[in-house]
């Protein structure tokens, strides 16, 4: 199979179900952002500090492919069976957040992203996750998107924030508090 098809050379692409849309369509932007997020999760997974979280981060990447395939489908025309998210996927993230929070000092201030390159990668993933969530909410205003997609992305961004704190803790990296000028 060739990677190039030449069918997108005029700025259109096909959704699952056959519908042709502009590559600038909100649906394309949305699942493209989920794909970008998946790449950042791969970068976070590859950090040595996350060696014991590789399986969980791979699971998250699998769920992002699930979300991407759902978003890449025309909800009106696709008859193809697409994998689904489950409530347990969100519960898994919540349980992981709770475990990490039990080990971390309470957060009393906002923290600036950074402190260590690995932690910064996690913050980048969190920001892309928030953008994906915003785009999905916008898409939901014009077309069907399963509620679990929004819930999962919302919880994933929370997970990534707590993971960034956990990574900083494990790497003995400083969490820099934000000190607003008054």
N, C-alpha and C. Protein backbone atom coordinates (compact mmCIF):
# COMPACT_ATOMS: atom_id res chain seq x y z
N UNK A 1 0.84 -1.18 0.00
CA UNK A 1 0.00 0.00 0.00
C UNK A 1 0.89 1.25 0.00
N UNK A 2 0.59 2.17 -0.87
CA UNK A 2 1.33 3.42 -0.93
C UNK A 2 0.80 4.38 0.14
N UNK A 3 1.71 5.17 0.71
CA UNK A 3 1.32 6.16 1.70
C UNK A 3 0.57 7.30 1.04
N UNK A 4 0.99 7.68 -0.16
CA UNK A 4 0.32 8.78 -0.83
C UNK A 4 -0.77 8.26 -1.75
N UNK A 5 -1.91 8.98 -1.73
CA UNK A 5 -3.05 8.59 -2.57
C UNK A 5 -3.36 9.65 -3.62
N UNK A 6 -2.88 10.85 -3.40
CA UNK A 6 -3.12 12.00 -4.26
C UNK A 6 -4.56 12.49 -4.20
N UNK A 7 -5.40 11.87 -3.37
CA UNK A 7 -6.81 12.29 -3.29
C UNK A 7 -6.97 13.55 -2.46
N UNK A 8 -5.94 13.95 -1.73
CA UNK A 8 -6.01 15.18 -0.93
C UNK A 8 -5.29 16.35 -1.53
N UNK A 9 -4.86 16.21 -2.77
CA UNK A 9 -4.04 17.25 -3.40
C UNK A 9 -4.79 18.56 -3.64
N UNK A 10 -6.10 18.54 -3.56
CA UNK A 10 -6.89 19.76 -3.76
C UNK A 10 -7.45 20.28 -2.45
N UNK A 11 -6.89 19.79 -1.31
CA UNK A 11 -7.27 20.33 -0.01
C UNK A 11 -8.47 19.69 0.63
N UNK A 12 -8.85 18.52 0.15
CA UNK A 12 -9.95 17.78 0.76
C UNK A 12 -9.46 16.43 1.22
N UNK A 13 -10.22 15.83 2.15
CA UNK A 13 -9.92 14.50 2.64
C UNK A 13 -11.24 13.78 2.90
N UNK A 14 -11.17 12.48 3.11
CA UNK A 14 -12.37 11.70 3.36
C UNK A 14 -12.47 11.33 4.83
N UNK A 15 -13.68 11.43 5.34
CA UNK A 15 -13.97 10.92 6.67
C UNK A 15 -14.32 9.44 6.55
N UNK A 16 -14.26 8.73 7.66
CA UNK A 16 -14.75 7.35 7.66
C UNK A 16 -16.25 7.43 7.36
N UNK A 17 -16.68 6.78 6.34
CA UNK A 17 -18.05 6.87 5.85
C UNK A 17 -18.09 7.46 4.46
N UNK A 18 -16.95 8.03 4.01
CA UNK A 18 -16.83 8.50 2.64
C UNK A 18 -17.06 9.98 2.41
N UNK A 19 -17.59 10.69 3.36
CA UNK A 19 -17.84 12.12 3.18
C UNK A 19 -16.52 12.86 2.94
N UNK A 20 -16.50 13.70 1.90
CA UNK A 20 -15.33 14.53 1.60
C UNK A 20 -15.51 15.88 2.27
N UNK A 21 -14.45 16.34 2.95
CA UNK A 21 -14.49 17.64 3.61
C UNK A 21 -13.16 18.36 3.37
N UNK A 22 -13.17 19.67 3.52
CA UNK A 22 -11.95 20.46 3.43
C UNK A 22 -11.01 20.05 4.57
N UNK A 23 -9.73 20.08 4.31
CA UNK A 23 -8.75 19.75 5.34
C UNK A 23 -8.74 20.80 6.46
N UNK A 24 -9.37 21.94 6.22
CA UNK A 24 -9.50 22.97 7.24
C UNK A 24 -10.76 22.81 8.09
N UNK A 25 -11.56 21.80 7.82
CA UNK A 25 -12.81 21.55 8.54
C UNK A 25 -12.51 21.33 10.02
N UNK A 26 -13.41 21.80 10.87
CA UNK A 26 -13.24 21.66 12.32
C UNK A 26 -13.03 20.21 12.74
N UNK A 27 -13.71 19.28 12.09
CA UNK A 27 -13.54 17.85 12.44
C UNK A 27 -12.10 17.40 12.18
N UNK A 28 -11.51 17.85 11.10
CA UNK A 28 -10.13 17.48 10.77
C UNK A 28 -9.18 18.12 11.78
N UNK A 29 -9.40 19.40 12.07
CA UNK A 29 -8.58 20.10 13.06
C UNK A 29 -8.66 19.40 14.42
N UNK A 30 -9.84 18.92 14.76
CA UNK A 30 -10.05 18.27 16.05
C UNK A 30 -9.31 16.95 16.14
N UNK A 31 -9.50 16.07 15.16
CA UNK A 31 -8.79 14.79 15.30
C UNK A 31 -7.31 14.93 15.02
N UNK A 32 -6.92 15.96 14.27
CA UNK A 32 -5.50 16.24 14.09
C UNK A 32 -4.85 16.67 15.40
N UNK A 33 -5.57 17.42 16.20
CA UNK A 33 -5.06 17.84 17.50
C UNK A 33 -4.98 16.65 18.45
N UNK A 34 -5.92 15.73 18.38
CA UNK A 34 -5.84 14.51 19.19
C UNK A 34 -4.62 13.70 18.77
N UNK A 35 -4.33 13.66 17.47
CA UNK A 35 -3.14 12.97 16.98
C UNK A 35 -1.87 13.66 17.51
N UNK A 36 -1.85 14.98 17.49
CA UNK A 36 -0.72 15.73 18.05
C UNK A 36 -0.54 15.40 19.53
N UNK A 37 -1.64 15.36 20.26
CA UNK A 37 -1.60 14.99 21.68
C UNK A 37 -1.00 13.60 21.85
N UNK A 38 -1.42 12.67 21.00
CA UNK A 38 -0.91 11.30 21.08
C UNK A 38 0.60 11.28 20.90
N UNK A 39 1.12 12.11 20.01
CA UNK A 39 2.56 12.19 19.80
C UNK A 39 3.26 12.73 21.04
N UNK A 40 2.67 13.72 21.67
CA UNK A 40 3.26 14.25 22.91
C UNK A 40 3.21 13.22 24.03
N UNK A 41 2.14 12.44 24.09
CA UNK A 41 2.08 11.38 25.11
C UNK A 41 3.20 10.38 24.85
N UNK A 42 3.47 10.08 23.59
CA UNK A 42 4.60 9.20 23.26
C UNK A 42 5.91 9.77 23.75
N UNK A 43 6.09 11.07 23.61
CA UNK A 43 7.30 11.73 24.10
C UNK A 43 7.39 11.63 25.62
N UNK A 44 6.28 11.83 26.30
CA UNK A 44 6.23 11.70 27.76
C UNK A 44 6.53 10.26 28.16
N UNK A 45 5.94 9.31 27.44
CA UNK A 45 6.16 7.89 27.73
C UNK A 45 7.63 7.52 27.59
N UNK A 46 8.33 8.14 26.65
CA UNK A 46 9.73 7.82 26.40
C UNK A 46 10.71 8.39 27.42
N UNK A 47 10.21 9.22 28.34
CA UNK A 47 11.09 9.78 29.36
C UNK A 47 11.43 8.70 30.38
N UNK A 48 12.69 8.63 30.74
CA UNK A 48 13.15 7.58 31.66
C UNK A 48 12.39 7.58 32.99
N UNK A 49 12.01 8.76 33.45
CA UNK A 49 11.30 8.86 34.72
C UNK A 49 9.96 8.10 34.66
N UNK A 50 9.46 7.85 33.47
CA UNK A 50 8.16 7.18 33.30
C UNK A 50 8.27 5.70 32.98
N UNK A 51 9.42 5.11 33.24
CA UNK A 51 9.62 3.69 32.90
C UNK A 51 8.53 2.81 33.53
N UNK A 52 8.11 3.13 34.74
CA UNK A 52 7.08 2.32 35.41
C UNK A 52 5.66 2.70 34.99
N UNK A 53 5.53 3.74 34.17
CA UNK A 53 4.21 4.17 33.69
C UNK A 53 4.04 3.91 32.20
N UNK A 54 5.00 3.24 31.58
CA UNK A 54 4.94 3.02 30.12
C UNK A 54 3.64 2.34 29.69
N UNK A 55 3.24 1.31 30.43
CA UNK A 55 2.02 0.58 30.04
C UNK A 55 0.78 1.48 30.14
N UNK A 56 0.70 2.25 31.21
CA UNK A 56 -0.44 3.15 31.36
C UNK A 56 -0.45 4.21 30.27
N UNK A 57 0.71 4.78 29.98
CA UNK A 57 0.78 5.81 28.93
C UNK A 57 0.47 5.22 27.55
N UNK A 58 0.87 3.98 27.33
CA UNK A 58 0.49 3.30 26.07
C UNK A 58 -1.03 3.10 26.02
N UNK A 59 -1.62 2.74 27.15
CA UNK A 59 -3.08 2.59 27.23
C UNK A 59 -3.77 3.91 26.87
N UNK A 60 -3.23 5.01 27.38
CA UNK A 60 -3.77 6.33 27.06
C UNK A 60 -3.65 6.59 25.56
N UNK A 61 -2.50 6.25 24.98
CA UNK A 61 -2.34 6.43 23.53
C UNK A 61 -3.36 5.59 22.76
N UNK A 62 -3.62 4.38 23.22
CA UNK A 62 -4.64 3.54 22.57
C UNK A 62 -6.01 4.22 22.63
N UNK A 63 -6.34 4.79 23.80
CA UNK A 63 -7.63 5.47 23.94
C UNK A 63 -7.70 6.70 23.04
N UNK A 64 -6.57 7.38 22.86
CA UNK A 64 -6.57 8.54 21.97
C UNK A 64 -6.79 8.12 20.52
N UNK A 65 -6.29 6.93 20.14
CA UNK A 65 -6.60 6.41 18.80
C UNK A 65 -8.10 6.10 18.69
N UNK A 66 -8.68 5.61 19.77
CA UNK A 66 -10.12 5.36 19.79
C UNK A 66 -10.88 6.67 19.57
N UNK A 67 -10.46 7.71 20.29
CA UNK A 67 -11.10 9.02 20.13
C UNK A 67 -10.90 9.53 18.71
N UNK A 68 -9.68 9.41 18.20
CA UNK A 68 -9.39 9.87 16.84
C UNK A 68 -10.25 9.19 15.80
N UNK A 69 -10.43 7.88 15.95
CA UNK A 69 -11.26 7.18 14.96
C UNK A 69 -12.72 7.60 15.06
N UNK A 70 -13.18 7.87 16.26
CA UNK A 70 -14.54 8.37 16.43
C UNK A 70 -14.71 9.73 15.78
N UNK A 71 -13.73 10.61 16.00
CA UNK A 71 -13.81 11.96 15.43
C UNK A 71 -13.62 11.96 13.92
N UNK A 72 -12.91 10.96 13.38
CA UNK A 72 -12.66 10.89 11.94
C UNK A 72 -13.83 10.27 11.18
N UNK A 73 -14.87 9.89 11.90
CA UNK A 73 -16.03 9.27 11.28
C UNK A 73 -17.13 10.30 11.06
N UNK A 74 -17.82 10.16 9.96
CA UNK A 74 -19.00 10.97 9.71
C UNK A 74 -20.14 10.35 10.52
N UNK A 75 -20.63 11.03 11.56
CA UNK A 75 -21.67 10.42 12.41
C UNK A 75 -22.97 10.16 11.67
N UNK A 76 -23.16 10.82 10.52
CA UNK A 76 -24.39 10.64 9.75
C UNK A 76 -24.30 9.47 8.77
N UNK A 77 -23.08 9.14 8.29
CA UNK A 77 -22.96 8.20 7.18
C UNK A 77 -22.14 6.95 7.46
N UNK A 78 -21.27 7.00 8.44
CA UNK A 78 -20.38 5.86 8.66
C UNK A 78 -21.14 4.68 9.25
N UNK A 79 -20.98 3.55 8.59
CA UNK A 79 -21.57 2.31 9.10
C UNK A 79 -20.49 1.38 9.65
N UNK A 80 -19.26 1.85 9.59
CA UNK A 80 -18.13 1.07 10.07
C UNK A 80 -18.15 1.01 11.60
N UNK A 81 -17.84 -0.15 12.15
CA UNK A 81 -17.78 -0.29 13.61
C UNK A 81 -16.50 0.40 14.09
N UNK A 82 -16.69 1.35 14.99
CA UNK A 82 -15.60 2.15 15.54
C UNK A 82 -15.45 1.77 17.02
N UNK A 83 -14.21 1.65 17.51
CA UNK A 83 -14.05 1.34 18.94
C UNK A 83 -14.64 2.44 19.81
N UNK A 84 -15.07 2.07 20.99
CA UNK A 84 -15.72 3.01 21.91
C UNK A 84 -14.88 3.23 23.15
N UNK A 85 -15.06 4.40 23.75
CA UNK A 85 -14.56 4.62 25.10
C UNK A 85 -15.55 4.01 26.07
N UNK A 86 -15.07 3.71 27.27
CA UNK A 86 -15.93 3.18 28.34
C UNK A 86 -15.73 4.03 29.58
N UNK A 87 -16.71 4.06 30.44
CA UNK A 87 -16.60 4.80 31.70
C UNK A 87 -15.37 4.36 32.48
N UNK A 88 -15.01 3.09 32.36
CA UNK A 88 -13.83 2.56 33.08
C UNK A 88 -12.54 3.25 32.63
N UNK A 89 -12.51 3.75 31.40
CA UNK A 89 -11.32 4.46 30.91
C UNK A 89 -11.11 5.74 31.72
N UNK A 90 -12.19 6.40 32.06
CA UNK A 90 -12.12 7.63 32.86
C UNK A 90 -11.79 7.28 34.31
N UNK A 91 -12.40 6.22 34.81
CA UNK A 91 -12.12 5.78 36.18
C UNK A 91 -10.64 5.43 36.36
N UNK A 92 -10.05 4.81 35.35
CA UNK A 92 -8.61 4.48 35.41
C UNK A 92 -7.79 5.74 35.62
N UNK A 93 -8.08 6.79 34.86
CA UNK A 93 -7.36 8.06 35.02
C UNK A 93 -7.57 8.65 36.41
N UNK A 94 -8.81 8.62 36.87
CA UNK A 94 -9.11 9.17 38.20
C UNK A 94 -8.35 8.41 39.29
N UNK A 95 -8.30 7.09 39.18
CA UNK A 95 -7.57 6.29 40.17
C UNK A 95 -6.08 6.61 40.16
N UNK A 96 -5.53 6.80 38.97
CA UNK A 96 -4.10 7.14 38.85
C UNK A 96 -3.83 8.54 39.42
N UNK A 97 -4.73 9.47 39.18
CA UNK A 97 -4.59 10.81 39.74
C UNK A 97 -4.58 10.73 41.26
N UNK A 98 -5.53 9.98 41.81
CA UNK A 98 -5.63 9.85 43.27
C UNK A 98 -4.37 9.23 43.87
N UNK A 99 -3.84 8.21 43.21
CA UNK A 99 -2.60 7.57 43.71
C UNK A 99 -1.44 8.56 43.74
N UNK A 100 -1.29 9.32 42.67
CA UNK A 100 -0.19 10.28 42.62
C UNK A 100 -0.40 11.40 43.65
N UNK A 101 -1.63 11.88 43.76
CA UNK A 101 -1.91 12.96 44.71
C UNK A 101 -1.62 12.54 46.15
N UNK A 102 -1.80 11.26 46.46
CA UNK A 102 -1.50 10.76 47.81
C UNK A 102 -0.01 10.89 48.14
N UNK A 103 0.85 10.90 47.13
CA UNK A 103 2.30 10.98 47.33
C UNK A 103 2.84 12.40 47.27
N UNK A 104 2.05 13.34 46.76
CA UNK A 104 2.53 14.69 46.50
C UNK A 104 2.14 15.65 47.62
N UNK A 105 2.98 16.66 47.85
CA UNK A 105 2.56 17.70 48.80
C UNK A 105 1.35 18.44 48.25
N UNK A 106 0.49 18.92 49.13
CA UNK A 106 -0.70 19.64 48.65
C UNK A 106 -0.29 20.86 47.81
N UNK A 107 -1.10 21.14 46.82
CA UNK A 107 -0.84 22.28 45.93
C UNK A 107 -1.61 23.48 46.47
N UNK A 108 -0.88 24.52 46.85
CA UNK A 108 -1.51 25.70 47.43
C UNK A 108 -1.40 26.94 46.52
N UNK A 109 -0.62 26.81 45.46
CA UNK A 109 -0.42 27.92 44.53
C UNK A 109 -0.36 27.37 43.11
N UNK A 110 -0.50 28.25 42.14
CA UNK A 110 -0.26 27.85 40.75
C UNK A 110 1.24 27.65 40.57
N UNK A 111 1.61 26.70 39.72
CA UNK A 111 3.02 26.47 39.43
C UNK A 111 3.28 26.77 37.96
N UNK A 112 4.47 27.29 37.71
CA UNK A 112 4.87 27.56 36.34
C UNK A 112 5.35 26.28 35.68
N UNK A 113 4.99 26.04 34.42
CA UNK A 113 5.50 24.86 33.74
C UNK A 113 7.03 24.89 33.68
N UNK A 114 7.63 23.75 33.84
CA UNK A 114 9.09 23.64 33.73
C UNK A 114 9.70 22.97 34.93
N UNK A 115 10.98 23.20 35.11
CA UNK A 115 11.72 22.61 36.21
C UNK A 115 12.63 21.49 35.76
N UNK A 116 12.26 20.83 34.69
CA UNK A 116 13.05 19.74 34.11
C UNK A 116 12.48 19.49 32.71
N UNK A 117 13.32 19.14 31.77
CA UNK A 117 12.85 18.94 30.40
C UNK A 117 11.72 17.91 30.33
N UNK A 118 11.83 16.83 31.07
CA UNK A 118 10.78 15.80 31.04
C UNK A 118 9.45 16.34 31.55
N UNK A 119 9.51 17.16 32.59
CA UNK A 119 8.31 17.77 33.15
C UNK A 119 7.70 18.74 32.13
N UNK A 120 8.55 19.48 31.44
CA UNK A 120 8.07 20.42 30.42
C UNK A 120 7.34 19.69 29.29
N UNK A 121 7.84 18.53 28.89
CA UNK A 121 7.14 17.74 27.86
C UNK A 121 5.73 17.38 28.33
N UNK A 122 5.61 17.04 29.60
CA UNK A 122 4.30 16.69 30.15
C UNK A 122 3.37 17.90 30.14
N UNK A 123 3.89 19.08 30.47
CA UNK A 123 3.08 20.29 30.41
C UNK A 123 2.64 20.60 28.98
N UNK A 124 3.52 20.38 28.02
CA UNK A 124 3.11 20.58 26.62
C UNK A 124 1.96 19.64 26.26
N UNK A 125 2.06 18.39 26.68
CA UNK A 125 0.98 17.42 26.42
C UNK A 125 -0.32 17.90 27.05
N UNK A 126 -0.24 18.42 28.28
CA UNK A 126 -1.43 18.92 28.98
C UNK A 126 -2.07 20.06 28.19
N UNK A 127 -1.26 20.98 27.69
CA UNK A 127 -1.80 22.12 26.93
C UNK A 127 -2.46 21.67 25.63
N UNK A 128 -1.85 20.73 24.93
CA UNK A 128 -2.45 20.21 23.70
C UNK A 128 -3.75 19.46 24.03
N UNK A 129 -3.77 18.77 25.16
CA UNK A 129 -4.99 18.07 25.59
C UNK A 129 -6.12 19.07 25.82
N UNK A 130 -5.81 20.17 26.47
CA UNK A 130 -6.84 21.20 26.70
C UNK A 130 -7.34 21.78 25.37
N UNK A 131 -6.43 21.99 24.43
CA UNK A 131 -6.85 22.49 23.11
C UNK A 131 -7.75 21.48 22.42
N UNK A 132 -7.38 20.20 22.49
CA UNK A 132 -8.21 19.15 21.89
C UNK A 132 -9.60 19.15 22.52
N UNK A 133 -9.64 19.31 23.83
CA UNK A 133 -10.93 19.35 24.53
C UNK A 133 -11.78 20.52 24.03
N UNK A 134 -11.17 21.70 23.90
CA UNK A 134 -11.92 22.86 23.41
C UNK A 134 -12.45 22.63 22.00
N UNK A 135 -11.61 22.05 21.15
CA UNK A 135 -12.04 21.79 19.78
C UNK A 135 -13.18 20.77 19.73
N UNK A 136 -13.10 19.74 20.56
CA UNK A 136 -14.17 18.73 20.61
C UNK A 136 -15.48 19.38 21.06
N UNK A 137 -15.41 20.26 22.04
CA UNK A 137 -16.62 20.96 22.50
C UNK A 137 -17.20 21.80 21.36
N UNK A 138 -16.35 22.48 20.62
CA UNK A 138 -16.82 23.25 19.46
C UNK A 138 -17.45 22.36 18.41
N UNK A 139 -16.82 21.22 18.14
CA UNK A 139 -17.36 20.28 17.16
C UNK A 139 -18.71 19.74 17.60
N UNK A 140 -18.85 19.52 18.91
CA UNK A 140 -20.11 18.98 19.44
C UNK A 140 -21.27 19.96 19.22
N UNK A 141 -20.96 21.23 19.08
CA UNK A 141 -22.01 22.21 18.84
C UNK A 141 -22.63 22.07 17.45
N UNK A 142 -21.90 21.42 16.52
CA UNK A 142 -22.43 21.29 15.16
C UNK A 142 -22.65 19.85 14.73
N UNK A 143 -22.15 18.89 15.49
CA UNK A 143 -22.24 17.50 15.08
C UNK A 143 -22.13 16.60 16.31
N UNK A 144 -22.58 15.37 16.17
CA UNK A 144 -22.54 14.46 17.30
C UNK A 144 -21.10 14.11 17.69
N UNK A 145 -20.83 14.22 18.98
CA UNK A 145 -19.60 13.72 19.60
C UNK A 145 -20.03 13.09 20.91
N UNK A 146 -19.57 11.89 21.16
CA UNK A 146 -19.94 11.18 22.39
C UNK A 146 -19.46 11.95 23.61
N UNK A 147 -20.31 12.04 24.62
CA UNK A 147 -19.98 12.76 25.86
C UNK A 147 -18.71 12.22 26.51
N UNK A 148 -18.49 10.91 26.40
CA UNK A 148 -17.30 10.31 27.04
C UNK A 148 -16.00 10.87 26.45
N UNK A 149 -16.04 11.33 25.21
CA UNK A 149 -14.84 11.90 24.60
C UNK A 149 -14.43 13.17 25.36
N UNK A 150 -15.40 14.04 25.62
CA UNK A 150 -15.11 15.27 26.36
C UNK A 150 -14.67 14.94 27.78
N UNK A 151 -15.37 14.02 28.42
CA UNK A 151 -15.01 13.64 29.80
C UNK A 151 -13.60 13.07 29.86
N UNK A 152 -13.27 12.22 28.89
CA UNK A 152 -11.94 11.60 28.89
C UNK A 152 -10.86 12.65 28.71
N UNK A 153 -11.03 13.55 27.76
CA UNK A 153 -10.01 14.58 27.54
C UNK A 153 -9.89 15.51 28.74
N UNK A 154 -11.01 15.83 29.37
CA UNK A 154 -10.98 16.65 30.57
C UNK A 154 -10.18 15.96 31.67
N UNK A 155 -10.46 14.71 31.90
CA UNK A 155 -9.75 13.96 32.94
C UNK A 155 -8.30 13.73 32.58
N UNK A 156 -8.03 13.52 31.29
CA UNK A 156 -6.66 13.32 30.85
C UNK A 156 -5.82 14.56 31.11
N UNK A 157 -6.37 15.73 30.88
CA UNK A 157 -5.59 16.95 31.16
C UNK A 157 -5.31 17.07 32.65
N UNK A 158 -6.27 16.67 33.49
CA UNK A 158 -6.02 16.65 34.94
C UNK A 158 -4.91 15.65 35.27
N UNK A 159 -4.99 14.48 34.66
CA UNK A 159 -3.96 13.45 34.87
C UNK A 159 -2.58 13.98 34.48
N UNK A 160 -2.50 14.64 33.34
CA UNK A 160 -1.22 15.14 32.86
C UNK A 160 -0.66 16.22 33.78
N UNK A 161 -1.51 17.04 34.35
CA UNK A 161 -1.04 18.04 35.31
C UNK A 161 -0.46 17.36 36.55
N UNK A 162 -1.20 16.41 37.10
CA UNK A 162 -0.72 15.71 38.29
C UNK A 162 0.53 14.89 37.95
N UNK A 163 0.55 14.29 36.76
CA UNK A 163 1.74 13.56 36.34
C UNK A 163 2.95 14.49 36.26
N UNK A 164 2.76 15.70 35.77
CA UNK A 164 3.90 16.64 35.70
C UNK A 164 4.43 16.92 37.10
N UNK A 165 3.54 17.04 38.06
CA UNK A 165 3.97 17.25 39.46
C UNK A 165 4.67 16.01 40.01
N UNK A 166 4.14 14.83 39.69
CA UNK A 166 4.75 13.58 40.15
C UNK A 166 6.14 13.41 39.54
N UNK A 167 6.25 13.71 38.27
CA UNK A 167 7.56 13.61 37.61
C UNK A 167 8.55 14.58 38.25
N UNK A 168 8.11 15.82 38.50
CA UNK A 168 8.99 16.80 39.14
C UNK A 168 9.44 16.29 40.51
N UNK A 169 8.51 15.70 41.23
CA UNK A 169 8.83 15.14 42.55
C UNK A 169 9.89 14.03 42.43
N UNK A 170 9.67 13.12 41.51
CA UNK A 170 10.59 11.98 41.33
C UNK A 170 11.95 12.42 40.81
N UNK A 171 11.98 13.51 40.04
CA UNK A 171 13.23 14.00 39.47
C UNK A 171 13.91 15.03 40.38
N UNK A 172 13.32 15.27 41.54
CA UNK A 172 13.82 16.30 42.46
C UNK A 172 13.94 17.65 41.76
N UNK A 173 13.01 17.92 40.87
CA UNK A 173 12.98 19.19 40.16
C UNK A 173 12.14 20.18 40.96
N UNK A 174 12.54 21.42 40.90
CA UNK A 174 11.83 22.46 41.63
C UNK A 174 10.50 22.76 40.96
N UNK A 175 9.44 22.84 41.76
CA UNK A 175 8.17 23.36 41.28
C UNK A 175 8.20 24.85 41.56
N UNK A 176 8.16 25.64 40.51
CA UNK A 176 8.29 27.09 40.66
C UNK A 176 6.90 27.69 40.83
N UNK A 177 6.63 28.27 41.99
CA UNK A 177 5.30 28.87 42.19
C UNK A 177 5.16 30.15 41.38
N UNK A 178 3.95 30.40 40.92
CA UNK A 178 3.66 31.65 40.24
C UNK A 178 3.44 32.70 41.30
N UNK A 179 4.16 33.79 41.19
CA UNK A 179 4.03 34.90 42.13
C UNK A 179 3.55 36.11 41.35
N UNK A 180 2.26 36.35 41.35
CA UNK A 180 1.73 37.47 40.57
C UNK A 180 2.22 38.81 41.10
N UNK A 181 2.49 39.73 40.18
CA UNK A 181 2.83 41.11 40.59
C UNK A 181 1.57 41.82 41.04
N UNK A 182 1.70 42.55 42.06
CA UNK A 182 0.54 43.32 42.55
C UNK A 182 0.87 44.79 42.57
